[in-house]
């Protein structure tokens, strides 16, 4: 785990997770349907040798590379949520996720989920036991609409921004956390490549779920 040397005296009370690519191992599934989406919504198809290239681009750069018109994005997101609902049985949690959620709850920290996926899909993939460990859901956000969802969760949970940590796997997760004044953590097992995430200088980089638990335990106060 890499952690920035910026000290904060505020104990950590809330962890807000992204879902796809952070808790849910949906990357291979998405690649498998990407070109069907491209055909349906008329954007550039992805060649097999371009997948790794796209992992080294920011979220906005990926959209530009694929030639996706901004006005199409809500329609694409809605369609993808329907696909996930039908094919949730093909998507599993990353190894170590169930144990991570259980042990985080034991520390006393509150957990929330902010995702562009639907709450129903997230609950289905998490399963009833693990879904119940999430204290607050704010789902269905637009691709670049996480900051308002973060603010809503903070208000609902009664937590100050500097007492919260947002954890995701893309550059837009870091951007949204900073916009709100939260700490930002990036996992290295998701969509974006490690060098791209390092370039964002998040407060922490997590190589394993155990790294997240160690960080939270150290910053609980």
Foldseek 3Di string as FASTA:
>chain_A
DDFDPDDDPAFAAEEEEEPAFTFKPCVVVCLVCVVVLCVVQVWARDDPVCQQVVLADAPVVNCVVRVPDPVCQLVSLVVVLVVLVVVVVVMATDPPNQVLLVLVVVLNHAYEYEYLHDLVSRCVRCDVVSNVSHPYYDYNAGPLRVLVVVVVVCVVVVHQQQNYEYEEAGLSSQVSSVVRPHAYEYECRGRHHPVNVVVSVGRYYHDDSVVVSVVNNVRND
